[in-house]
Protein backbone atom coordinates (compact mmCIF):
# COMPACT_ATOMS: atom_id res chain seq x y z
CA MET A 1 -9.18 -50.99 -8.31
CA ALA A 2 -9.76 -53.52 -11.06
CA THR A 3 -10.74 -53.39 -14.54
CA PHE A 4 -12.41 -55.97 -16.99
CA THR A 5 -12.62 -56.00 -20.80
CA ALA A 6 -14.05 -58.49 -22.91
CA THR A 7 -14.59 -59.06 -26.71
CA PRO A 8 -15.92 -62.11 -28.38
CA ALA A 9 -12.63 -63.49 -28.93
CA CYS A 10 -10.76 -62.83 -25.70
CA ALA A 11 -11.01 -61.32 -22.28
CA SER A 12 -8.40 -59.76 -19.76
CA PHE A 13 -8.75 -59.04 -16.25
CA ALA A 14 -6.00 -56.54 -14.47
CA LEU A 15 -5.61 -55.61 -10.76
CA LYS A 16 -4.06 -52.27 -9.92
CA PRO A 17 -2.24 -52.10 -6.75
CA ALA A 18 -4.02 -51.51 -3.48
CA GLN A 19 -2.83 -48.63 -1.20
CA VAL A 20 -3.03 -51.09 1.67
CA PRO A 21 -0.17 -52.63 3.66
CA VAL A 22 0.55 -56.18 3.13
CA CYS A 23 -0.56 -58.87 5.49
CA LYS A 24 -2.26 -56.28 7.67
CA ILE A 25 -4.47 -57.76 10.64
CA SER A 26 -6.04 -55.13 12.88
CA ASN A 27 -8.43 -55.67 15.55
CA PHE A 28 -9.36 -59.02 13.78
CA ARG A 29 -11.54 -57.11 11.40
CA SER A 30 -9.58 -56.66 8.27
CA VAL A 31 -7.12 -58.78 6.36
CA SER A 32 -4.96 -57.94 3.29
CA LEU A 33 -3.51 -61.14 1.28
CA PRO A 34 -0.57 -60.64 -0.66
CA VAL A 35 -0.37 -62.48 -3.96
CA GLY A 36 2.35 -62.41 -6.20
CA GLY A 37 4.20 -59.31 -4.66
CA ARG A 38 0.79 -57.49 -4.96
CA SER A 39 -1.79 -56.95 -2.39
CA PHE A 40 -5.87 -57.38 -2.86
CA PRO A 41 -7.79 -54.89 -0.88
CA SER A 42 -8.78 -55.62 2.44
CA LEU A 43 -11.45 -58.33 3.15
CA LYS A 44 -13.78 -57.10 5.77
CA ALA A 45 -15.25 -59.71 8.03
CA ARG A 46 -18.15 -58.94 10.39
CA ARG A 47 -17.02 -61.35 13.13
CA PHE A 48 -13.37 -63.16 12.95
CA GLN A 49 -13.01 -65.61 15.62
CA VAL A 50 -10.77 -68.53 16.22
CA SER A 51 -12.50 -71.33 18.46
CA CYS A 52 -11.47 -74.94 19.26
CA ALA A 53 -14.39 -77.39 19.14
CA ALA A 54 -15.72 -78.51 22.50
CA LYS A 55 -14.70 -81.75 24.32
CA LYS A 56 -17.10 -84.72 23.42
CA GLU A 57 -18.33 -85.33 26.57
CA THR A 58 -19.42 -81.57 27.04
CA LEU A 59 -21.05 -81.74 23.45
CA ASP A 60 -22.74 -85.25 24.41
CA LYS A 61 -24.08 -83.56 27.44
CA VAL A 62 -25.38 -80.41 25.93
CA CYS A 63 -27.12 -82.78 23.36
CA GLU A 64 -28.61 -84.66 25.95
CA ILE A 65 -29.84 -81.46 27.77
CA VAL A 66 -31.31 -80.17 24.59
CA ARG A 67 -33.07 -83.31 23.78
CA LYS A 68 -34.60 -83.32 27.31
CA GLN A 69 -35.86 -79.78 27.28
CA LEU A 70 -37.56 -79.87 23.83
CA ALA A 71 -38.80 -83.77 24.66
CA LEU A 72 -37.30 -85.01 21.39
CA PRO A 73 -37.67 -88.72 20.66
CA GLU A 74 -34.73 -90.84 20.67
CA ASP A 75 -34.67 -91.32 16.98
CA ALA A 76 -34.33 -87.47 16.43
CA VAL A 77 -30.62 -86.67 15.06
CA VAL A 78 -29.36 -84.25 17.55
CA ASN A 79 -25.67 -83.34 17.07
CA GLY A 80 -23.19 -80.48 17.27
CA GLU A 81 -24.46 -79.51 13.74
CA SER A 82 -28.17 -79.28 14.88
CA LYS A 83 -29.49 -75.77 14.92
CA ILE A 84 -31.61 -75.21 18.12
CA ALA A 85 -34.40 -73.44 16.23
CA TYR A 86 -34.73 -76.08 13.65
CA LEU A 87 -35.19 -78.62 16.42
CA GLY A 88 -38.31 -76.74 17.30
CA ALA A 89 -37.20 -74.57 20.07
CA ASP A 90 -38.99 -71.07 20.63
CA SER A 91 -37.34 -68.35 22.45
CA LEU A 92 -38.62 -69.74 26.03
CA ASP A 93 -37.18 -73.01 25.17
CA THR A 94 -33.96 -71.52 24.31
CA VAL A 95 -34.00 -69.70 27.94
CA GLU A 96 -35.10 -73.25 29.48
CA ILE A 97 -31.99 -74.73 27.34
CA VAL A 98 -29.82 -71.92 28.67
CA MET A 99 -30.90 -72.38 32.24
CA ALA A 100 -30.37 -76.20 32.07
CA ILE A 101 -26.85 -75.74 30.89
CA GLU A 102 -26.22 -73.23 33.46
CA GLU A 103 -27.60 -75.89 35.98
CA ASN A 104 -25.72 -78.81 34.88
CA PHE A 105 -22.24 -77.28 34.39
CA ASP A 106 -22.59 -74.66 37.24
CA VAL A 107 -21.71 -71.91 35.02
CA THR A 108 -23.52 -68.46 34.33
CA VAL A 109 -24.36 -67.48 30.84
CA GLU A 110 -24.31 -63.83 30.07
CA GLU A 111 -27.45 -62.74 28.06
CA ASP A 112 -25.49 -61.32 25.17
CA SER A 113 -23.67 -64.90 25.07
CA ALA A 114 -26.72 -66.69 25.06
CA GLN A 115 -28.32 -64.70 22.28
CA ARG A 116 -25.41 -65.88 19.95
CA ILE A 117 -26.16 -69.74 20.63
CA ALA A 118 -27.51 -71.00 17.35
CA SER A 119 -26.32 -74.63 17.36
CA ILE A 120 -25.57 -77.19 19.75
CA GLN A 121 -21.96 -76.76 19.02
CA ASP A 122 -22.03 -73.16 19.70
CA ALA A 123 -23.63 -73.92 23.33
CA ALA A 124 -20.87 -76.58 23.87
CA ASP A 125 -18.28 -74.08 22.79
CA LEU A 126 -19.44 -71.60 25.29
CA VAL A 127 -19.73 -73.97 28.14
CA GLU A 128 -15.88 -74.89 27.53
CA GLU A 129 -15.13 -71.40 27.45
CA LEU A 130 -16.87 -70.60 30.65
CA LEU A 131 -15.51 -73.68 32.31
CA LYS A 132 -12.10 -72.47 31.14
CA LYS A 133 -12.66 -69.04 32.59
CA LYS A 134 -13.73 -70.45 35.88
CA GLY A 135 -10.94 -72.58 36.48
CA ALA A 136 -8.51 -69.92 35.68
């Protein structure tokens, strides 16, 4: 696909045209990027997802739930970027956090969705998604 040559005085880099369609997006798993009429090879992503941040009220409530479940002191920094495991949660704590979220927001969190929660923002986004589905 690409060649690279170098000598002490100069270096050159050349791309050969890829045999992939330009601007291809299929199943949200591969993307080809056109640059100057040429296309780079597909960039493959394990997971491609578009999501919007949860409402501030939802995020604040999830922060409160996590703080309470983990008995964190008031001065502990708990925000959307906080990783639940870094706050000291083990697997049982995580299950209890999910149960408290279900109870407080009157939603049901599937096991596969619960396993994808790594940060408080992830949990808040999931709550927003479930509330949206519930309202539809």
